[in-house]
Structure formats: structure tokens, C-alpha cells
Protein backbone atom coordinates (compact mmCIF):
# COMPACT_ATOMS: atom_id res chain seq x y z
CA MET A 1 -39.17 64.08 252.94
CA MET A 2 -36.45 64.48 250.30
CA PRO A 3 -37.44 66.90 247.47
CA LEU A 4 -38.17 64.05 244.73
CA GLU A 5 -40.16 62.01 247.09
CA ARG A 6 -42.97 65.09 247.32
CA SER A 7 -43.05 64.80 243.16
CA TRP A 8 -45.43 62.69 240.86
CA TYR A 9 -44.60 59.47 239.18
CA PRO A 10 -45.99 57.55 236.47
CA ILE A 11 -45.99 53.76 236.95
CA ALA A 12 -48.20 52.65 234.34
CA TRP A 13 -50.17 52.99 231.55
CA SER A 14 -54.10 52.53 232.57
CA SER A 15 -54.79 50.26 229.82
CA ALA A 16 -51.78 47.99 231.14
CA LEU A 17 -52.97 47.94 234.86
CA LYS A 18 -56.06 45.16 234.91
CA GLY A 19 -56.43 42.18 236.80
CA LYS A 20 -52.84 41.77 237.37
CA PRO A 21 -50.95 43.79 240.27
CA ILE A 22 -47.81 45.50 238.67
CA ALA A 23 -44.03 46.12 240.09
CA ALA A 24 -42.53 49.14 240.10
CA GLU A 25 -39.12 50.50 241.39
CA VAL A 26 -38.57 54.64 242.02
CA LEU A 27 -35.99 56.13 243.80
CA GLY A 28 -34.91 52.36 245.00
CA ARG A 29 -38.54 52.18 246.64
CA HIS A 30 -40.34 48.76 245.32
CA VAL A 31 -44.06 49.50 244.73
CA VAL A 32 -46.96 47.93 243.80
CA ALA A 33 -49.78 49.05 241.62
CA PHE A 34 -52.99 47.35 241.40
CA ARG A 35 -56.95 48.00 240.85
CA ASP A 36 -59.46 47.18 243.61
CA ALA A 37 -62.56 45.66 243.17
CA SER A 38 -64.25 49.04 242.47
CA GLY A 39 -61.44 49.44 239.32
CA THR A 40 -59.44 52.39 241.47
CA ALA A 41 -55.84 52.31 241.11
CA ARG A 42 -53.86 51.36 244.22
CA VAL A 43 -50.02 51.88 245.11
CA MET A 44 -48.80 50.87 247.73
CA ASP A 45 -44.92 49.08 249.65
CA ASP A 46 -44.89 45.99 247.51
CA ARG A 47 -43.91 43.87 250.57
CA CYS A 48 -45.97 41.98 252.99
CA PRO A 49 -45.52 42.11 256.69
CA HIS A 50 -45.84 38.94 257.10
CA LYS A 51 -42.71 37.14 255.59
CA GLY A 52 -41.58 40.36 253.40
CA VAL A 53 -42.86 38.11 250.01
CA LYS A 54 -43.39 41.11 247.28
CA LEU A 55 -47.33 41.16 247.04
CA SER A 56 -46.77 42.08 243.05
CA GLY A 57 -46.10 37.85 242.48
CA GLY A 58 -50.20 37.29 243.90
CA ILE A 59 -53.53 38.25 241.98
CA CYS A 60 -56.10 41.08 242.27
CA THR A 61 -59.26 39.60 244.15
CA ASP A 62 -62.68 41.07 245.23
CA LYS A 63 -61.32 41.73 248.56
CA GLY A 64 -57.90 43.43 247.67
CA ILE A 65 -54.38 42.23 246.79
CA GLU A 66 -53.34 38.61 247.74
CA CYS A 67 -50.08 37.52 248.79
CA PRO A 68 -48.67 34.76 246.96
CA TYR A 69 -46.91 32.73 249.99
CA HIS A 70 -49.59 32.34 252.37
CA GLY A 71 -52.67 34.50 250.93
CA TRP A 72 -53.23 36.99 253.13
CA ILE A 73 -55.92 39.79 251.48
CA PHE A 74 -54.83 43.61 251.82
CA ASP A 75 -57.42 46.39 250.98
CA GLY A 76 -56.22 49.64 249.26
CA ALA A 77 -55.14 51.13 252.47
CA GLY A 78 -52.66 48.28 252.94
CA ALA A 79 -55.07 46.98 256.01
CA CYS A 80 -55.07 43.04 255.89
CA VAL A 81 -58.70 42.06 255.50
CA HIS A 82 -58.69 38.26 255.14
CA MET A 83 -56.23 35.78 257.01
CA PRO A 84 -56.88 32.09 255.41
CA SER A 85 -54.73 30.36 258.09
CA HIS A 86 -56.27 32.21 260.81
CA ALA A 87 -59.19 30.16 262.65
CA GLY A 88 -61.01 33.44 264.30
CA SER A 89 -63.58 35.17 263.14
CA THR A 90 -62.25 38.75 262.71
CA VAL A 91 -58.64 39.11 261.39
CA PRO A 92 -56.37 39.71 264.35
CA PRO A 93 -54.25 42.96 264.04
CA VAL A 94 -51.32 43.07 261.58
CA ARG A 95 -48.94 45.82 260.86
CA LYS A 96 -50.69 47.80 257.62
CA ILE A 97 -49.02 48.04 254.30
CA ARG A 98 -47.87 51.92 253.53
CA SER A 99 -49.86 53.10 250.99
CA TYR A 100 -49.39 56.04 248.59
CA VAL A 101 -51.39 59.12 246.74
CA ALA A 102 -52.41 57.62 243.21
CA ARG A 103 -54.10 59.33 240.42
CA GLU A 104 -55.18 58.48 237.12
CA SER A 105 -55.27 60.89 234.48
CA GLN A 106 -55.15 60.79 230.74
CA GLY A 107 -54.51 57.19 230.71
CA THR A 108 -51.67 57.08 233.07
CA VAL A 109 -51.64 56.09 236.71
CA TRP A 110 -49.63 58.55 238.59
CA PHE A 111 -48.27 58.16 242.62
CA THR A 112 -46.18 59.91 245.13
CA PHE A 113 -44.60 59.23 247.93
CA SER A 114 -46.04 62.33 250.12
CA PRO A 115 -49.35 63.18 251.55
CA SER A 116 -48.55 66.47 250.62
CA PRO A 117 -46.96 66.98 247.30
CA TYR A 118 -45.79 70.05 245.41
CA GLN A 119 -48.44 69.91 242.84
CA ALA A 120 -51.87 68.78 244.33
CA ASP A 121 -52.41 67.03 241.17
CA PRO A 122 -49.94 64.83 238.23
CA PRO A 123 -48.85 66.76 235.15
CA ASP A 124 -50.56 66.77 231.81
CA TRP A 125 -49.61 65.02 228.73
CA HIS A 126 -49.83 68.05 226.37
CA PHE A 127 -51.55 68.25 222.99
CA PRO A 128 -53.88 65.38 223.99
CA GLU A 129 -55.71 65.83 221.07
CA LYS A 130 -53.41 65.21 218.66
CA GLN A 131 -52.81 61.69 217.12
CA SER A 132 -50.38 59.97 219.25
CA PHE A 133 -48.40 56.67 220.61
CA ARG A 134 -46.61 55.79 223.58
CA THR A 135 -43.91 53.37 225.09
CA ILE A 136 -41.90 52.69 228.04
CA LEU A 137 -38.17 52.22 227.91
CA ASP A 138 -35.67 50.96 230.74
CA MET A 139 -32.07 52.41 231.17
CA ASP A 140 -28.80 51.39 233.06
CA CYS A 141 -28.09 55.48 233.80
CA GLU A 142 -28.62 58.34 235.54
CA TYR A 143 -32.23 60.03 235.02
CA ILE A 144 -30.71 63.65 234.97
CA ARG A 145 -28.29 61.82 232.06
CA LEU A 146 -31.11 61.11 229.85
CA MET A 147 -32.56 64.30 229.85
CA GLU A 148 -29.26 65.93 229.18
CA ASN A 149 -29.57 63.52 226.14
CA LEU A 150 -33.18 64.17 225.05
CA VAL A 151 -32.04 68.50 224.71
CA ASP A 152 -28.93 67.73 223.07
CA ASN A 153 -29.29 67.96 219.08
CA PRO A 154 -25.99 67.58 217.64
CA HIS A 155 -25.70 64.12 218.43
CA ALA A 156 -28.55 63.17 216.41
CA GLY A 157 -26.48 63.51 213.19
CA TYR A 158 -24.55 60.71 214.35
CA ILE A 159 -25.49 58.42 216.31
CA HIS A 160 -29.42 58.84 214.44
CA GLY A 161 -27.53 59.47 211.25
CA GLY A 162 -29.88 59.47 208.32
CA LEU A 163 -32.71 58.59 210.80
CA LEU A 164 -33.74 61.81 212.19
CA ARG A 165 -30.39 64.07 211.21
CA GLY A 166 -27.68 64.38 208.80
CA ARG A 167 -24.42 65.25 209.67
CA PRO A 168 -24.27 69.33 210.97
CA THR A 169 -24.20 71.49 207.97
CA THR A 170 -26.13 74.32 208.75
CA ARG A 171 -25.87 77.02 211.67
CA VAL A 172 -29.03 77.37 213.67
CA VAL A 173 -29.36 80.14 216.73
CA SER A 174 -30.57 78.79 219.74
CA HIS A 175 -32.10 80.98 222.67
CA VAL A 176 -31.86 79.23 226.11
CA SER A 177 -33.46 80.66 229.47
CA GLU A 178 -34.43 79.57 232.62
CA THR A 179 -38.04 79.96 233.53
CA PRO A 180 -40.03 79.06 236.80
CA THR A 181 -40.52 75.85 236.16
CA GLY A 182 -36.86 74.51 234.46
CA VAL A 183 -35.13 75.66 231.30
CA LEU A 184 -36.68 76.46 227.83
CA ALA A 185 -34.02 76.41 224.20
CA ASN A 186 -35.62 77.80 221.60
CA THR A 187 -34.06 76.73 218.17
CA MET A 188 -34.23 78.38 214.58
CA GLY A 189 -33.33 77.71 211.05
CA GLU A 190 -32.60 74.09 210.87
CA LYS A 191 -33.02 72.62 207.40
CA ALA A 192 -34.90 69.05 206.98
CA ARG A 193 -32.14 67.82 204.67
CA ARG A 194 -30.78 64.18 204.89
CA SER A 195 -33.27 63.24 207.53
CA LEU A 196 -35.74 60.14 206.60
CA ILE A 197 -38.05 61.07 209.39
CA TYR A 198 -37.90 65.12 208.57
CA ARG A 199 -38.78 64.17 205.22
CA VAL A 200 -41.79 62.64 205.62
CA PHE A 201 -42.71 65.17 208.37
CA GLY A 202 -42.58 68.23 206.04
CA GLY A 203 -40.61 69.92 202.82
CA LYS A 204 -36.53 69.25 203.21
CA GLU A 205 -35.84 73.02 202.16
CA HIS A 206 -38.27 74.56 204.99
CA ASP A 207 -36.83 75.88 208.14
CA ILE A 208 -37.72 73.66 211.01
CA PHE A 209 -38.47 75.77 214.42
CA HIS A 210 -38.03 73.45 217.51
CA THR A 211 -38.38 73.60 221.22
CA GLU A 212 -37.26 71.75 224.47
CA GLU A 213 -38.38 72.25 227.55
CA PHE A 214 -37.19 71.09 230.64
CA ILE A 215 -39.79 70.86 233.52
CA VAL A 216 -38.77 70.32 237.17
CA PRO A 217 -37.92 67.47 238.11
CA HIS A 218 -37.85 64.76 235.57
CA THR A 219 -40.06 65.75 232.14
CA ILE A 220 -38.71 66.95 228.83
CA ARG A 221 -40.97 68.60 226.25
CA THR A 222 -39.82 68.91 222.58
CA VAL A 223 -41.70 70.51 219.58
CA PHE A 224 -40.74 70.19 215.94
CA SER A 225 -42.66 72.62 213.50
CA GLN A 226 -42.97 73.89 209.93
CA PRO A 227 -44.66 76.52 207.66
CA GLY A 228 -48.24 75.60 207.09
CA GLY A 229 -48.85 74.10 210.64
CA THR A 230 -46.98 70.64 210.15
CA HIS A 231 -46.50 70.10 213.78
CA ALA A 232 -45.01 66.80 215.92
CA SER A 233 -44.28 66.69 219.84
CA SER A 234 -42.55 64.51 222.18
CA GLN A 235 -42.84 64.21 225.81
CA PHE A 236 -40.60 62.32 228.31
CA VAL A 237 -41.22 61.20 231.62
CA CYS A 238 -37.80 60.01 233.26
CA VAL A 239 -38.90 58.17 236.31
CA PRO A 240 -35.35 57.52 238.62
CA VAL A 241 -35.53 53.58 239.87
CA SER A 242 -32.31 54.18 241.17
CA GLU A 243 -29.19 56.20 241.44
CA GLN A 244 -27.99 54.25 238.29
CA ARG A 245 -31.04 53.15 236.46
CA THR A 246 -34.45 55.14 234.93
CA ARG A 247 -37.65 54.20 233.47
CA VAL A 248 -39.05 56.82 230.77
CA PHE A 249 -42.81 56.82 229.99
CA TYR A 250 -42.99 58.80 226.75
CA ARG A 251 -45.41 59.77 224.06
CA ILE A 252 -45.24 60.99 220.89
CA THR A 253 -47.63 63.44 218.62
CA LEU A 254 -48.12 63.94 215.34
CA ASP A 255 -50.34 66.98 213.25
CA PHE A 256 -49.75 67.15 209.61
CA PRO A 257 -52.12 65.29 206.92
CA PHE A 258 -52.40 61.75 206.69
CA ALA A 259 -50.60 61.68 210.43
CA ARG A 260 -52.27 58.23 211.72
CA PHE A 261 -51.35 56.75 208.35
CA PHE A 262 -47.63 57.45 209.75
CA LEU A 263 -47.94 56.63 213.32
CA PRO A 264 -46.83 53.08 212.81
CA PHE A 265 -43.83 54.23 210.97
CA PHE A 266 -42.71 56.64 213.14
CA LYS A 267 -43.09 54.57 216.63
CA LEU A 268 -40.85 52.39 214.76
CA MET A 269 -38.46 54.89 214.11
CA VAL A 270 -38.56 57.29 217.40
CA ASP A 271 -38.18 53.38 219.28
CA ARG A 272 -35.04 52.37 217.46
CA VAL A 273 -33.76 56.10 217.94
CA LEU A 274 -34.27 55.40 221.65
CA VAL A 275 -32.51 52.26 222.07
CA GLN A 276 -29.40 53.65 220.02
CA ASP A 277 -29.51 56.33 222.94
CA LYS A 278 -30.02 53.78 225.14
CA LEU A 279 -26.88 52.13 224.38
CA MET A 280 -24.72 55.38 224.31
CA LEU A 281 -26.06 56.42 227.54
CA GLU A 282 -25.07 53.30 229.43
CA HIS A 283 -21.79 53.20 227.76
CA GLU A 284 -21.08 56.91 228.92
CA ALA A 285 -22.82 55.83 232.93
CA ARG A 286 -20.10 52.73 232.30
CA GLN A 287 -17.58 54.76 231.82
CA GLU A 288 -18.00 57.67 234.50
CA TRP A 289 -18.55 54.52 237.10
CA ALA A 290 -15.44 52.98 236.48
CA ASP A 291 -13.49 56.51 236.14
CA PRO A 292 -15.69 59.08 238.53
CA ALA A 293 -12.61 61.68 238.45
CA PHE A 294 -12.53 62.05 234.58
CA GLY A 295 -13.13 65.51 233.38
CA LYS A 296 -15.86 66.53 230.83
CA THR A 297 -15.40 69.36 228.21
CA ALA A 298 -18.17 71.06 226.61
CA CYS A 299 -18.92 73.48 223.47
CA LYS A 300 -21.62 75.94 223.05
CA ALA A 301 -23.79 73.54 221.68
CA ASP A 302 -23.90 71.95 225.25
CA VAL A 303 -25.77 74.99 226.73
CA ALA A 304 -29.76 73.40 227.00
CA ALA A 305 -28.33 70.15 228.30
CA ILE A 306 -25.68 71.79 230.88
CA TRP A 307 -28.63 73.96 232.15
CA THR A 308 -31.10 71.59 232.20
CA ALA A 309 -28.40 69.52 234.19
CA ARG A 310 -27.87 71.93 236.70
CA ALA A 311 -31.66 73.04 237.15
CA ALA A 312 -32.75 69.01 237.74
CA ARG A 313 -29.86 68.47 240.55
CA ALA A 314 -30.44 71.83 242.37
CA TYR A 315 -34.21 70.82 242.42
CA ALA A 316 -33.32 67.23 243.60
CA ALA A 317 -31.50 69.05 246.44
CA ASN A 318 -33.99 71.87 247.97
CA GLY A 319 -37.37 71.19 245.74
CA THR A 320 -37.46 74.37 243.75
CA GLY A 321 -36.94 75.12 240.28
CA PRO A 322 -34.77 78.38 239.21
CA GLN A 323 -34.82 81.54 241.22
CA ALA A 324 -35.22 84.97 239.41
CA PRO A 325 -33.73 86.95 238.26
CA PHE A 326 -33.63 84.13 235.37
CA ARG A 327 -30.61 83.54 233.14
CA ALA A 328 -30.80 83.91 229.78
CA THR A 329 -27.88 83.12 226.49
CA GLU A 330 -28.28 83.20 222.83
CA THR A 331 -26.01 80.75 221.23
CA ASP A 332 -25.09 79.36 217.55
CA TYR A 333 -23.58 75.89 216.74
CA ARG A 334 -24.30 73.79 213.20
CA LEU A 335 -26.93 70.94 212.72
């Protein structure tokens, strides 16, 4: 089993998994999530063993999930429990559908392809007690490319110019280090000038301290803070749908005076930022697919992105994070 198959993946927000099944694709495999009669979340292959039709096009009943083609019903373990066209009193033997371990935690339905995942339970959303909002977005690019973007600070002054950051003018210092679970970058010295979100977030002349953390295999966490306890964070779980497509589940938290009143505004702004990133990442991906031999260059501001990509690819290949002795470096650039 590939290392990525032994990881946990979100498939739906708990509130979205109600009466109808939800289809998803992860690592090129089609799965379906639904709730059984007890309300327990179940995940299995999205294919009826009768004619190969997608079960996600069916409905949920008190017995299980019903295929839309002939009405066969399968329970949460993938066994056929009802066959309407069969004249006998018992259901004849039918090949079971592969079902997977599913867990529901902090308002999210997770699953893993492996009966023995690397972690016994799915990861946590950080700062669960804070004001927050969450969304899902699909992108036509590799999941590692998206994670590189999420730890790449300088691009924000251009494609998000005036919204998230302004053009780079201030020297910042970033400490980038490998950790047992990925990569951590701590950056100091940024100011909240020429940025709509930062000005709402705090005083424009205050230093902003921020961290970007990659946690294997697919999670990016960022935290922004200012003197006085003003705090905002984001967490992105980048699900590899296929080699060329990613679905990202993300949650943003806010902690400053009257934060709950600003949530709708922040959601609009963050959603806009992610759509802007999506356009650029999909353009970059198309360029690379057309010319895979093209050689890219890098600068000091790219260290966190380069180290994140390296750690993510190593995990996908061998199932381990960075190994001791852990590397660390300090770099400076402008934001």
C-alpha cells in the first residue's frame, strides 16, 4: 500500500452529510460517503458490484445506500442486504463493496484507505474554540504545488495586492527548520502597511509575527499575531484528488475584539484570495504540463516552499517525515 493511502483525508463537513450520499475522488479512487440508519458516517467504493453504477447517485434508506439503477441496497460494511428483483426470501451471495475506516471529528468526516493508518485518529483542526469559518475549493493542480503556494509569502503583494499584502518594502527575517512532522517557518518584521485585511486585523505600524507549518502529508497551518494578543490562523488540508487535481478543505480562525462581526467580511476576502491563487496555480500547472522540461529558478524567499515540497515528496515516496539531524536555516527577504 502506498504511503499516501495510509493517511487520513476529509471527505465532507459533518453538516453537509445528511440525507443524500456525497461522492468524492481521492488518489484517483472514487468513493462515496453516507450516513447509515444510526447516523454513523460510512465510506466505501462508489461502484455497485451489479452493473458498476455509481452508488452516489442513489439514496440513503433505513437499510443502507440504495443503487439508483436496480435498487440494490448495501449496508455500511458493503454487504448487499436487499435485492428487489430477487424472488427468494434471502439475498443471494454478492461480492461486497470495499468499505473504509471513517471517523467523525470536530465537524468533519475523515476516512483512510488503510485498516492500519499511520495515525490511529484523524488530525485535529487547531484552535477549535475560536471564531471560525470553513470552505472547500477544487483546483486543477497537484496538491504539493498548492502547499508551496500557501507558504510562499511574497506573491501576496502582487496577485492579492492591497488585499492581503502590498508590494514588498520591508525586510523580514525567516527561520526555516525541518521538524519530525514536516517544516516550520517563523517570520518576523512584517508591517501591516497597504493591506486591507491587515489593517482590519491590527495596527498598521505594528510588527506582524507569522508562522507557516507543513505537516505531512497534506496540511498547511499558518498563524498571524500582533502585540496585544490579536490573532488569526488558517489551516488547509490539501487532498490529492488525482495527479492533476486537488480539493482543499480550509478553516480560518479569528481572535480579536468583535471578531465575530468581521467573520463575513473575512470569509469574502479569504475566498477571493484563494480564487486568485487558484487561477495562478492552474495557469502554472498548464504551463508545466505543456513543457515539463522547463527549468525553474529560485531565490532566498523560496526556502520555505522548496523545503515543504521536498518533505512532501519524500513522504509520498517512503511514508516518513524529515529525519534527524534536522536542517535549519535563516534567510531574509522583503515583504
